[in-house]
Amino acid sequence: MSQAQRLRQTIEDEIVAGHLAVGARLDEVMLAERFGVSRTPIREALLQLAVTGLVETKPRKGTIVSAPEPQHLLAMFETMAELEAACGRFAARRLTPDHEAALKAALAACEA
């Protein structure tokens, strides 16, 4: 994983966790100082985040944390639902008798 990818992941995690609020300005110089890197990997990380829609770069305003669009949120939830369904199908195909017994016991405990 490149330095820019690690920075992108770190900044993304901070946005998702709410440490960087919607509308927060992401200053390249401050981020470079904070992470002890040059501006180049910061710039690359911010470009990667812009592609995902998490940040937006505006002329003369810099890069800011984006507010998610309703259509984007809907698409994300639909994708998550599809992934969860696929995970359920894959898990069901690999279910062993021991795991099935453990799941039934857990269900019985929840219903008790």
PDB file of N, CA and C in Angstrom:
ATOM      1  N   MET A   1       0.857  -1.173   0.000  1.00  0.00           N
ATOM      2  CA  MET A   1       0.000   0.000   0.000  1.00  0.00           C
ATOM      3  C   MET A   1       0.903   1.236   0.000  1.00  0.00           C
ATOM      4  N   SER A   2       0.617   2.155  -0.901  1.00  0.00           N
ATOM      5  CA  SER A   2       1.439   3.361  -1.004  1.00  0.00           C
ATOM      6  C   SER A   2       1.148   4.328   0.147  1.00  0.00           C
ATOM      7  N   GLN A   3       2.039   5.284   0.298  1.00  0.00           N
ATOM      8  CA  GLN A   3       1.855   6.295   1.345  1.00  0.00           C
ATOM      9  C   GLN A   3       0.556   7.064   1.121  1.00  0.00           C
ATOM     10  N   ALA A   4       0.263   7.411  -0.127  1.00  0.00           N
ATOM     11  CA  ALA A   4      -0.970   8.139  -0.435  1.00  0.00           C
ATOM     12  C   ALA A   4      -2.196   7.301  -0.090  1.00  0.00           C
ATOM     13  N   GLN A   5      -2.142   6.002  -0.351  1.00  0.00           N
ATOM     14  CA  GLN A   5      -3.272   5.132  -0.023  1.00  0.00           C
ATOM     15  C   GLN A   5      -3.470   5.027   1.484  1.00  0.00           C
ATOM     16  N   ARG A   6      -2.367   4.944   2.225  1.00  0.00           N
ATOM     17  CA  ARG A   6      -2.483   4.897   3.696  1.00  0.00           C
ATOM     18  C   ARG A   6      -3.083   6.199   4.226  1.00  0.00           C
ATOM     19  N   LEU A   7      -2.632   7.324   3.668  1.00  0.00           N
ATOM     20  CA  LEU A   7      -3.180   8.619   4.083  1.00  0.00           C
ATOM     21  C   LEU A   7      -4.657   8.723   3.725  1.00  0.00           C
ATOM     22  N   ARG A   8      -5.012   8.259   2.527  1.00  0.00           N
ATOM     23  CA  ARG A   8      -6.418   8.283   2.120  1.00  0.00           C
ATOM     24  C   ARG A   8      -7.259   7.489   3.102  1.00  0.00           C
ATOM     25  N   GLN A   9      -6.773   6.304   3.481  1.00  0.00           N
ATOM     26  CA  GLN A   9      -7.519   5.468   4.414  1.00  0.00           C
ATOM     27  C   GLN A   9      -7.663   6.148   5.772  1.00  0.00           C
ATOM     28  N   THR A  10      -6.603   6.764   6.250  1.00  0.00           N
ATOM     29  CA  THR A  10      -6.644   7.448   7.544  1.00  0.00           C
ATOM     30  C   THR A  10      -7.625   8.613   7.512  1.00  0.00           C
ATOM     31  N   ILE A  11      -7.552   9.426   6.468  1.00  0.00           N
ATOM     32  CA  ILE A  11      -8.459  10.578   6.360  1.00  0.00           C
ATOM     33  C   ILE A  11      -9.892  10.094   6.187  1.00  0.00           C
ATOM     34  N   GLU A  12     -10.088   9.053   5.384  1.00  0.00           N
ATOM     35  CA  GLU A  12     -11.430   8.491   5.201  1.00  0.00           C
ATOM     36  C   GLU A  12     -11.988   7.999   6.532  1.00  0.00           C
ATOM     37  N   ASP A  13     -11.169   7.300   7.302  1.00  0.00           N
ATOM     38  CA  ASP A  13     -11.611   6.813   8.615  1.00  0.00           C
ATOM     39  C   ASP A  13     -12.035   7.973   9.513  1.00  0.00           C
ATOM     40  N   GLU A  14     -11.298   9.076   9.466  1.00  0.00           N
ATOM     41  CA  GLU A  14     -11.637  10.237  10.291  1.00  0.00           C
ATOM     42  C   GLU A  14     -12.943  10.880   9.832  1.00  0.00           C
ATOM     43  N   ILE A  15     -13.194  10.881   8.534  1.00  0.00           N
ATOM     44  CA  ILE A  15     -14.455  11.431   8.022  1.00  0.00           C
ATOM     45  C   ILE A  15     -15.610  10.544   8.457  1.00  0.00           C
ATOM     46  N   VAL A  16     -15.463   9.237   8.249  1.00  0.00           N
ATOM     47  CA  VAL A  16     -16.530   8.293   8.589  1.00  0.00           C
ATOM     48  C   VAL A  16     -16.825   8.313  10.086  1.00  0.00           C
ATOM     49  N   ALA A  17     -15.785   8.455  10.907  1.00  0.00           N
ATOM     50  CA  ALA A  17     -15.964   8.487  12.365  1.00  0.00           C
ATOM     51  C   ALA A  17     -16.526   9.817  12.856  1.00  0.00           C
ATOM     52  N   GLY A  18     -16.579  10.820  11.979  1.00  0.00           N
ATOM     53  CA  GLY A  18     -17.113  12.120  12.373  1.00  0.00           C
ATOM     54  C   GLY A  18     -16.083  13.060  12.956  1.00  0.00           C
ATOM     55  N   HIS A  19     -14.805  12.667  12.934  1.00  0.00           N
ATOM     56  CA  HIS A  19     -13.753  13.552  13.446  1.00  0.00           C
ATOM     57  C   HIS A  19     -13.505  14.720  12.495  1.00  0.00           C
ATOM     58  N   LEU A  20     -13.826  14.520  11.225  1.00  0.00           N
ATOM     59  CA  LEU A  20     -13.771  15.596  10.234  1.00  0.00           C
ATOM     60  C   LEU A  20     -15.200  15.796   9.747  1.00  0.00           C
ATOM     61  N   ALA A  21     -15.806  16.898  10.130  1.00  0.00           N
ATOM     62  CA  ALA A  21     -17.221  17.133   9.871  1.00  0.00           C
ATOM     63  C   ALA A  21     -17.470  17.571   8.435  1.00  0.00           C
ATOM     64  N   VAL A  22     -18.714  17.401   8.010  1.00  0.00           N
ATOM     65  CA  VAL A  22     -19.137  17.897   6.700  1.00  0.00           C
ATOM     66  C   VAL A  22     -18.845  19.390   6.638  1.00  0.00           C
ATOM     67  N   GLY A  23     -18.220  19.807   5.553  1.00  0.00           N
ATOM     68  CA  GLY A  23     -17.872  21.211   5.372  1.00  0.00           C
ATOM     69  C   GLY A  23     -16.500  21.582   5.900  1.00  0.00           C
ATOM     70  N   ALA A  24     -15.859  20.665   6.631  1.00  0.00           N
ATOM     71  CA  ALA A  24     -14.523  20.954   7.167  1.00  0.00           C
ATOM     72  C   ALA A  24     -13.532  21.107   6.018  1.00  0.00           C
ATOM     73  N   ARG A  25     -12.694  22.124   6.121  1.00  0.00           N
ATOM     74  CA  ARG A  25     -11.672  22.368   5.098  1.00  0.00           C
ATOM     75  C   ARG A  25     -10.465  21.492   5.398  1.00  0.00           C
ATOM     76  N   LEU A  26      -9.971  20.816   4.366  1.00  0.00           N
ATOM     77  CA  LEU A  26      -8.807  19.946   4.506  1.00  0.00           C
ATOM     78  C   LEU A  26      -7.616  20.639   3.860  1.00  0.00           C
ATOM     79  N   ASP A  27      -6.831  21.297   4.684  1.00  0.00           N
ATOM     80  CA  ASP A  27      -5.690  22.070   4.213  1.00  0.00           C
ATOM     81  C   ASP A  27      -4.497  21.145   3.978  1.00  0.00           C
ATOM     82  N   GLU A  28      -3.960  21.165   2.756  1.00  0.00           N
ATOM     83  CA  GLU A  28      -2.843  20.288   2.408  1.00  0.00           C
ATOM     84  C   GLU A  28      -1.626  20.513   3.298  1.00  0.00           C
ATOM     85  N   VAL A  29      -1.306  21.767   3.560  1.00  0.00           N
ATOM     86  CA  VAL A  29      -0.120  22.082   4.363  1.00  0.00           C
ATOM     87  C   VAL A  29      -0.286  21.555   5.786  1.00  0.00           C
ATOM     88  N   MET A  30      -1.438  21.812   6.387  1.00  0.00           N
ATOM     89  CA  MET A  30      -1.674  21.349   7.758  1.00  0.00           C
ATOM     90  C   MET A  30      -1.669  19.821   7.832  1.00  0.00           C
ATOM     91  N   LEU A  31      -2.298  19.165   6.838  1.00  0.00           N
ATOM     92  CA  LEU A  31      -2.305  17.702   6.832  1.00  0.00           C
ATOM     93  C   LEU A  31      -0.895  17.144   6.641  1.00  0.00           C
ATOM     94  N   ALA A  32      -0.114  17.782   5.771  1.00  0.00           N
ATOM     95  CA  ALA A  32       1.267  17.335   5.547  1.00  0.00           C
ATOM     96  C   ALA A  32       2.079  17.444   6.831  1.00  0.00           C
ATOM     97  N   GLU A  33       1.922  18.553   7.542  1.00  0.00           N
ATOM     98  CA  GLU A  33       2.634  18.725   8.815  1.00  0.00           C
ATOM     99  C   GLU A  33       2.166  17.700   9.841  1.00  0.00           C
ATOM    100  N   ARG A  34       0.868  17.503   9.915  1.00  0.00           N
ATOM    101  CA  ARG A  34       0.300  16.574  10.887  1.00  0.00           C
ATOM    102  C   ARG A  34       0.814  15.148  10.679  1.00  0.00           C
ATOM    103  N   PHE A  35       0.880  14.721   9.414  1.00  0.00           N
ATOM    104  CA  PHE A  35       1.296  13.349   9.123  1.00  0.00           C
ATOM    105  C   PHE A  35       2.790  13.221   8.838  1.00  0.00           C
ATOM    106  N   GLY A  36       3.503  14.338   8.857  1.00  0.00           N
ATOM    107  CA  GLY A  36       4.945  14.303   8.646  1.00  0.00           C
ATOM    108  C   GLY A  36       5.348  13.872   7.249  1.00  0.00           C
ATOM    109  N   VAL A  37       4.589  14.337   6.254  1.00  0.00           N
ATOM    110  CA  VAL A  37       4.868  13.984   4.859  1.00  0.00           C
ATOM    111  C   VAL A  37       4.873  15.255   4.016  1.00  0.00           C
ATOM    112  N   SER A  38       5.265  15.116   2.763  1.00  0.00           N
ATOM    113  CA  SER A  38       5.198  16.256   1.850  1.00  0.00           C
ATOM    114  C   SER A  38       3.752  16.430   1.378  1.00  0.00           C
ATOM    115  N   ARG A  39       3.513  17.495   0.650  1.00  0.00           N
ATOM    116  CA  ARG A  39       2.156  17.758   0.165  1.00  0.00           C
ATOM    117  C   ARG A  39       1.742  16.810  -0.952  1.00  0.00           C
ATOM    118  N   THR A  40       2.711  16.222  -1.651  1.00  0.00           N
ATOM    119  CA  THR A  40       2.375  15.365  -2.793  1.00  0.00           C
ATOM    120  C   THR A  40       1.508  14.168  -2.402  1.00  0.00           C
ATOM    121  N   PRO A  41       1.870  13.354  -1.396  1.00  0.00           N
ATOM    122  CA  PRO A  41       0.985  12.240  -1.040  1.00  0.00           C
ATOM    123  C   PRO A  41      -0.351  12.711  -0.455  1.00  0.00           C
ATOM    124  N   ILE A  42      -0.349  13.874   0.193  1.00  0.00           N
ATOM    125  CA  ILE A  42      -1.614  14.434   0.694  1.00  0.00           C
ATOM    126  C   ILE A  42      -2.507  14.778  -0.486  1.00  0.00           C
ATOM    127  N   ARG A  43      -1.932  15.431  -1.481  1.00  0.00           N
ATOM    128  CA  ARG A  43      -2.693  15.811  -2.675  1.00  0.00           C
ATOM    129  C   ARG A  43      -3.254  14.565  -3.368  1.00  0.00           C
ATOM    130  N   GLU A  44      -2.428  13.512  -3.475  1.00  0.00           N
ATOM    131  CA  GLU A  44      -2.878  12.260  -4.090  1.00  0.00           C
ATOM    132  C   GLU A  44      -4.005  11.625  -3.281  1.00  0.00           C
ATOM    133  N   ALA A  45      -3.873  11.632  -1.962  1.00  0.00           N
ATOM    134  CA  ALA A  45      -4.911  11.062  -1.096  1.00  0.00           C
ATOM    135  C   ALA A  45      -6.221  11.826  -1.251  1.00  0.00           C
ATOM    136  N   LEU A  46      -6.139  13.152  -1.305  1.00  0.00           N
ATOM    137  CA  LEU A  46      -7.350  13.964  -1.455  1.00  0.00           C
ATOM    138  C   LEU A  46      -7.997  13.739  -2.817  1.00  0.00           C
ATOM    139  N   LEU A  47      -7.186  13.533  -3.851  1.00  0.00           N
ATOM    140  CA  LEU A  47      -7.742  13.222  -5.174  1.00  0.00           C
ATOM    141  C   LEU A  47      -8.478  11.885  -5.144  1.00  0.00           C
ATOM    142  N   GLN A  48      -7.902  10.904  -4.457  1.00  0.00           N
ATOM    143  CA  GLN A  48      -8.562   9.603  -4.329  1.00  0.00           C
ATOM    144  C   GLN A  48      -9.886   9.738  -3.581  1.00  0.00           C
ATOM    145  N   LEU A  49      -9.897  10.556  -2.537  1.00  0.00           N
ATOM    146  CA  LEU A  49     -11.131  10.767  -1.774  1.00  0.00           C
ATOM    147  C   LEU A  49     -12.171  11.517  -2.598  1.00  0.00           C
ATOM    148  N   ALA A  50     -11.716  12.425  -3.459  1.00  0.00           N
ATOM    149  CA  ALA A  50     -12.643  13.166  -4.318  1.00  0.00           C
ATOM    150  C   ALA A  50     -13.344  12.220  -5.288  1.00  0.00           C
ATOM    151  N   VAL A  51     -12.630  11.210  -5.768  1.00  0.00           N
ATOM    152  CA  VAL A  51     -13.225  10.236  -6.682  1.00  0.00           C
ATOM    153  C   VAL A  51     -14.356   9.479  -5.985  1.00  0.00           C
ATOM    154  N   THR A  52     -14.199   9.205  -4.699  1.00  0.00           N
ATOM    155  CA  THR A  52     -15.231   8.477  -3.955  1.00  0.00           C
ATOM    156  C   THR A  52     -16.397   9.371  -3.558  1.00  0.00           C
ATOM    157  N   GLY A  53     -16.205  10.684  -3.650  1.00  0.00           N
ATOM    158  CA  GLY A  53     -17.263  11.611  -3.270  1.00  0.00           C
ATOM    159  C   GLY A  53     -17.218  12.039  -1.818  1.00  0.00           C
ATOM    160  N   LEU A  54     -16.229  11.574  -1.059  1.00  0.00           N
ATOM    161  CA  LEU A  54     -16.148  11.963   0.352  1.00  0.00           C
ATOM    162  C   LEU A  54     -15.683  13.398   0.537  1.00  0.00           C
ATOM    163  N   VAL A  55     -14.891  13.892  -0.406  1.00  0.00           N
ATOM    164  CA  VAL A  55     -14.447  15.282  -0.354  1.00  0.00           C
ATOM    165  C   VAL A  55     -14.708  15.928  -1.704  1.00  0.00           C
ATOM    166  N   GLU A  56     -14.681  17.245  -1.699  1.00  0.00           N
ATOM    167  CA  GLU A  56     -14.910  18.014  -2.918  1.00  0.00           C
ATOM    168  C   GLU A  56     -13.873  19.126  -2.970  1.00  0.00           C
ATOM    169  N   THR A  57     -13.257  19.285  -4.123  1.00  0.00           N
ATOM    170  CA  THR A  57     -12.280  20.351  -4.302  1.00  0.00           C
ATOM    171  C   THR A  57     -12.944  21.493  -5.051  1.00  0.00           C
ATOM    172  N   LYS A  58     -12.906  22.673  -4.446  1.00  0.00           N
ATOM    173  CA  LYS A  58     -13.535  23.853  -5.038  1.00  0.00           C
ATOM    174  C   LYS A  58     -12.468  24.901  -5.319  1.00  0.00           C
ATOM    175  N   PRO A  59     -12.544  25.532  -6.491  1.00  0.00           N
ATOM    176  CA  PRO A  59     -11.576  26.592  -6.806  1.00  0.00           C
ATOM    177  C   PRO A  59     -11.594  27.692  -5.743  1.00  0.00           C
ATOM    178  N   ARG A  60     -10.422  28.129  -5.345  1.00  0.00           N
ATOM    179  CA  ARG A  60     -10.206  29.197  -4.369  1.00  0.00           C
ATOM    180  C   ARG A  60     -10.747  28.884  -2.970  1.00  0.00           C
ATOM    181  N   LYS A  61     -11.293  27.696  -2.768  1.00  0.00           N
ATOM    182  CA  LYS A  61     -11.776  27.317  -1.437  1.00  0.00           C
ATOM    183  C   LYS A  61     -11.032  26.104  -0.900  1.00  0.00           C
ATOM    184  N   GLY A  62     -10.411  25.350  -1.784  1.00  0.00           N
ATOM    185  CA  GLY A  62      -9.680  24.166  -1.366  1.00  0.00           C
ATOM    186  C   GLY A  62     -10.564  22.937  -1.309  1.00  0.00           C
ATOM    187  N   THR A  63     -10.130  21.979  -0.531  1.00  0.00           N
ATOM    188  CA  THR A  63     -10.836  20.706  -0.413  1.00  0.00           C
ATOM    189  C   THR A  63     -11.637  20.697   0.878  1.00  0.00           C
ATOM    190  N   ILE A  64     -12.896  20.304   0.765  1.00  0.00           N
ATOM    191  CA  ILE A  64     -13.774  20.234   1.935  1.00  0.00           C
ATOM    192  C   ILE A  64     -14.422  18.853   2.003  1.00  0.00           C
ATOM    193  N   VAL A  65     -14.837  18.478   3.196  1.00  0.00           N
ATOM    194  CA  VAL A  65     -15.567  17.225   3.389  1.00  0.00           C
ATOM    195  C   VAL A  65     -16.971  17.415   2.823  1.00  0.00           C
ATOM    196  N   SER A  66     -17.375  16.504   1.957  1.00  0.00           N
ATOM    197  CA  SER A  66     -18.664  16.608   1.265  1.00  0.00           C
ATOM    198  C   SER A  66     -19.817  16.121   2.129  1.00  0.00           C
ATOM    199  N   ALA A  67     -20.973  16.701   1.870  1.00  0.00           N
ATOM    200  CA  ALA A  67     -22.215  16.174   2.433  1.00  0.00           C
ATOM    201  C   ALA A  67     -22.693  15.093   1.473  1.00  0.00           C
ATOM    202  N   PRO A  68     -23.014  13.913   1.967  1.00  0.00           N
ATOM    203  CA  PRO A  68     -23.436  12.850   1.053  1.00  0.00           C
ATOM    204  C   PRO A  68     -24.762  13.186   0.374  1.00  0.00           C
ATOM    205  N   GLU A  69     -24.816  12.927  -0.920  1.00  0.00           N
ATOM    206  CA  GLU A  69     -26.044  13.128  -1.687  1.00  0.00           C
ATOM    207  C   GLU A  69     -27.001  11.979  -1.381  1.00  0.00           C
ATOM    208  N   PRO A  70     -28.308  12.249  -1.325  1.00  0.00           N
ATOM    209  CA  PRO A  70     -29.266  11.169  -1.042  1.00  0.00           C
ATOM    210  C   PRO A  70     -29.146   9.989  -2.012  1.00  0.00           C
ATOM    211  N   GLN A  71     -28.913  10.276  -3.297  1.00  0.00           N
ATOM    212  CA  GLN A  71     -28.789   9.193  -4.275  1.00  0.00           C
ATOM    213  C   GLN A  71     -27.550   8.345  -3.983  1.00  0.00           C
ATOM    214  N   HIS A  72     -26.477   9.003  -3.555  1.00  0.00           N
ATOM    215  CA  HIS A  72     -25.243   8.285  -3.231  1.00  0.00           C
ATOM    216  C   HIS A  72     -25.457   7.392  -2.007  1.00  0.00           C
ATOM    217  N   LEU A  73     -26.147   7.918  -0.994  1.00  0.00           N
ATOM    218  CA  LEU A  73     -26.437   7.111   0.196  1.00  0.00           C
ATOM    219  C   LEU A  73     -27.299   5.908  -0.157  1.00  0.00           C
ATOM    220  N   LEU A  74     -28.312   6.125  -0.991  1.00  0.00           N
ATOM    221  CA  LEU A  74     -29.182   5.031  -1.405  1.00  0.00           C
ATOM    222  C   LEU A  74     -28.379   3.959  -2.136  1.00  0.00           C
ATOM    223  N   ALA A  75     -27.506   4.383  -3.036  1.00  0.00           N
ATOM    224  CA  ALA A  75     -26.676   3.425  -3.770  1.00  0.00           C
ATOM    225  C   ALA A  75     -25.764   2.656  -2.821  1.00  0.00           C
ATOM    226  N   MET A  76     -25.215   3.342  -1.818  1.00  0.00           N
ATOM    227  CA  MET A  76     -24.347   2.670  -0.848  1.00  0.00           C
ATOM    228  C   MET A  76     -25.122   1.623  -0.054  1.00  0.00           C
ATOM    229  N   PHE A  77     -26.332   1.972   0.402  1.00  0.00           N
ATOM    230  CA  PHE A  77     -27.118   1.019   1.180  1.00  0.00           C
ATOM    231  C   PHE A  77     -27.558  -0.164   0.324  1.00  0.00           C
ATOM    232  N   GLU A  78     -27.895   0.094  -0.942  1.00  0.00           N
ATOM    233  CA  GLU A  78     -28.252  -1.006  -1.835  1.00  0.00           C
ATOM    234  C   GLU A  78     -27.062  -1.936  -2.042  1.00  0.00           C
ATOM    235  N   THR A  79     -25.891  -1.364  -2.203  1.00  0.00           N
ATOM    236  CA  THR A  79     -24.681  -2.171  -2.370  1.00  0.00           C
ATOM    237  C   THR A  79     -24.401  -2.990  -1.119  1.00  0.00           C
ATOM    238  N   MET A  80     -24.540  -2.362   0.057  1.00  0.00           N
ATOM    239  CA  MET A  80     -24.313  -3.091   1.312  1.00  0.00           C
ATOM    240  C   MET A  80     -25.310  -4.240   1.453  1.00  0.00           C
ATOM    241  N   ALA A  81     -26.568  -4.010   1.077  1.00  0.00           N
ATOM    242  CA  ALA A  81     -27.578  -5.061   1.174  1.00  0.00           C
ATOM    243  C   ALA A  81     -27.222  -6.232   0.267  1.00  0.00           C
ATOM    244  N   GLU A  82     -26.762  -5.936  -0.942  1.00  0.00           N
ATOM    245  CA  GLU A  82     -26.355  -6.999  -1.866  1.00  0.00           C
ATOM    246  C   GLU A  82     -25.160  -7.776  -1.320  1.00  0.00           C
ATOM    247  N   LEU A  83     -24.192  -7.056  -0.761  1.00  0.00           N
ATOM    248  CA  LEU A  83     -23.012  -7.722  -0.199  1.00  0.00           C
ATOM    249  C   LEU A  83     -23.386  -8.600   0.994  1.00  0.00           C
ATOM    250  N   GLU A  84     -24.269  -8.097   1.861  1.00  0.00           N
ATOM    251  CA  GLU A  84     -24.698  -8.882   3.017  1.00  0.00           C
ATOM    252  C   GLU A  84     -25.449 -10.130   2.576  1.00  0.00           C
ATOM    253  N   ALA A  85     -26.286 -10.000   1.547  1.00  0.00           N
ATOM    254  CA  ALA A  85     -27.016 -11.165   1.035  1.00  0.00           C
ATOM    255  C   ALA A  85     -26.047 -12.195   0.465  1.00  0.00           C
ATOM    256  N   ALA A  86     -25.052 -11.725  -0.273  1.00  0.00           N
ATOM    257  CA  ALA A  86     -24.052 -12.643  -0.831  1.00  0.00           C
ATOM    258  C   ALA A  86     -23.281 -13.340   0.284  1.00  0.00           C
ATOM    259  N   CYS A  87     -22.925 -12.597   1.325  1.00  0.00           N
ATOM    260  CA  CYS A  87     -22.220 -13.200   2.469  1.00  0.00           C
ATOM    261  C   CYS A  87     -23.083 -14.271   3.122  1.00  0.00           C
ATOM    262  N   GLY A  88     -24.364 -13.999   3.257  1.00  0.00           N
ATOM    263  CA  GLY A  88     -25.277 -14.978   3.839  1.00  0.00           C
ATOM    264  C   GLY A  88     -25.359 -16.245   2.999  1.00  0.00           C
ATOM    265  N   ARG A  89     -25.428 -16.072   1.673  1.00  0.00           N
ATOM    266  CA  ARG A  89     -25.465 -17.240   0.783  1.00  0.00           C
ATOM    267  C   ARG A  89     -24.177 -18.054   0.893  1.00  0.00           C
ATOM    268  N   PHE A  90     -23.042 -17.370   0.877  1.00  0.00           N
ATOM    269  CA  PHE A  90     -21.762 -18.077   0.980  1.00  0.00           C
ATOM    270  C   PHE A  90     -21.645 -18.799   2.318  1.00  0.00           C
ATOM    271  N   ALA A  91     -22.069 -18.159   3.391  1.00  0.00           N
ATOM    272  CA  ALA A  91     -21.997 -18.786   4.713  1.00  0.00           C
ATOM    273  C   ALA A  91     -22.910 -20.007   4.773  1.00  0.00           C
ATOM    274  N   ALA A  92     -24.110 -19.893   4.191  1.00  0.00           N
ATOM    275  CA  ALA A  92     -25.050 -21.012   4.217  1.00  0.00           C
ATOM    276  C   ALA A  92     -24.496 -22.216   3.459  1.00  0.00           C
ATOM    277  N   ARG A  93     -23.796 -21.969   2.364  1.00  0.00           N
ATOM    278  CA  ARG A  93     -23.213 -23.065   1.577  1.00  0.00           C
ATOM    279  C   ARG A  93     -22.105 -23.786   2.340  1.00  0.00           C
ATOM    280  N   ARG A  94     -21.462 -23.092   3.253  1.00  0.00           N
ATOM    281  CA  ARG A  94     -20.336 -23.668   3.988  1.00  0.00           C
ATOM    282  C   ARG A  94     -20.725 -24.119   5.408  1.00  0.00           C
ATOM    283  N   LEU A  95     -22.004 -24.081   5.709  1.00  0.00           N
ATOM    284  CA  LEU A  95     -22.482 -24.406   7.049  1.00  0.00           C
ATOM    285  C   LEU A  95     -22.232 -25.881   7.369  1.00  0.00           C
ATOM    286  N   THR A  96     -21.554 -26.119   8.462  1.00  0.00           N
ATOM    287  CA  THR A  96     -21.313 -27.495   8.917  1.00  0.00           C
ATOM    288  C   THR A  96     -22.384 -27.851   9.947  1.00  0.00           C
ATOM    289  N   PRO A  97     -22.593 -29.134  10.189  1.00  0.00           N
ATOM    290  CA  PRO A  97     -23.569 -29.529  11.212  1.00  0.00           C
ATOM    291  C   PRO A  97     -23.264 -28.924  12.589  1.00  0.00           C
ATOM    292  N   ASP A  98     -21.987 -28.832  12.944  1.00  0.00           N
ATOM    293  CA  ASP A  98     -21.622 -28.247  14.244  1.00  0.00           C
ATOM    294  C   ASP A  98     -21.996 -26.762  14.304  1.00  0.00           C
ATOM    295  N   HIS A  99     -21.719 -26.042  13.214  1.00  0.00           N
ATOM    296  CA  HIS A  99     -22.075 -24.620  13.182  1.00  0.00           C
ATOM    297  C   HIS A  99     -23.594 -24.436  13.209  1.00  0.00           C
ATOM    298  N   GLU A 100     -24.308 -25.318  12.501  1.00  0.00           N
ATOM    299  CA  GLU A 100     -25.768 -25.229  12.499  1.00  0.00           C
ATOM    300  C   GLU A 100     -26.321 -25.437  13.907  1.00  0.00           C
ATOM    301  N   ALA A 101     -25.774 -26.401  14.627  1.00  0.00           N
ATOM    302  CA  ALA A 101     -26.213 -26.656  16.006  1.00  0.00           C
ATOM    303  C   ALA A 101     -25.918 -25.452  16.890  1.00  0.00           C
ATOM    304  N   ALA A 102     -24.747 -24.840  16.706  1.00  0.00           N
ATOM    305  CA  ALA A 102     -24.392 -23.661  17.504  1.00  0.00           C
ATOM    306  C   ALA A 102     -25.322 -22.495  17.194  1.00  0.00           C
ATOM    307  N   LEU A 103     -25.663 -22.311  15.921  1.00  0.00           N
ATOM    308  CA  LEU A 103     -26.592 -21.235  15.549  1.00  0.00           C
ATOM    309  C   LEU A 103     -27.977 -21.471  16.144  1.00  0.00           C
ATOM    310  N   LYS A 104     -28.442 -22.714  16.100  1.00  0.00           N
ATOM    311  CA  LYS A 104     -29.756 -23.025  16.674  1.00  0.00           C
ATOM    312  C   LYS A 104     -29.761 -22.797  18.183  1.00  0.00           C
ATOM    313  N   ALA A 105     -28.666 -23.140  18.842  1.00  0.00           N
ATOM    314  CA  ALA A 105     -28.564 -22.909  20.288  1.00  0.00           C
ATOM    315  C   ALA A 105     -28.562 -21.413  20.591  1.00  0.00           C
ATOM    316  N   ALA A 106     -27.852 -20.633  19.784  1.00  0.00           N
ATOM    317  CA  ALA A 106     -27.823 -19.180  19.986  1.00  0.00           C
ATOM    318  C   ALA A 106     -29.203 -18.582  19.761  1.00  0.00           C
ATOM    319  N   LEU A 107     -29.909 -19.058  18.737  1.00  0.00           N
ATOM    320  CA  LEU A 107     -31.262 -18.572  18.470  1.00  0.00           C
ATOM    321  C   LEU A 107     -32.192 -18.909  19.627  1.00  0.00           C
ATOM    322  N   ALA A 108     -32.100 -20.123  20.135  1.00  0.00           N
ATOM    323  CA  ALA A 108     -32.945 -20.527  21.265  1.00  0.00           C
ATOM    324  C   ALA A 108     -32.662 -19.662  22.488  1.00  0.00           C
ATOM    325  N   ALA A 109     -31.387 -19.340  22.715  1.00  0.00           N
ATOM    326  CA  ALA A 109     -31.028 -18.492  23.857  1.00  0.00           C
ATOM    327  C   ALA A 109     -31.593 -17.088  23.684  1.00  0.00           C
ATOM    328  N   CYS A 110     -31.606 -16.590  22.462  1.00  0.00           N
ATOM    329  CA  CYS A 110     -32.151 -15.246  22.213  1.00  0.00           C
ATOM    330  C   CYS A 110     -33.661 -15.213  22.396  1.00  0.00           C
ATOM    331  N   GLU A 111     -34.313 -16.298  22.045  1.00  0.00           N
ATOM    332  CA  GLU A 111     -35.771 -16.352  22.136  1.00  0.00           C
ATOM    333  C   GLU A 111     -36.253 -16.651  23.546  1.00  0.00           C
ATOM    334  N   ALA A 112     -35.364 -17.114  24.410  1.00  0.00           N
ATOM    335  CA  ALA A 112     -35.752 -17.483  25.778  1.00  0.00           C
ATOM    336  C   ALA A 112     -35.942 -16.265  26.649  1.00  0.00           C
TER     337      ALA A 112
END
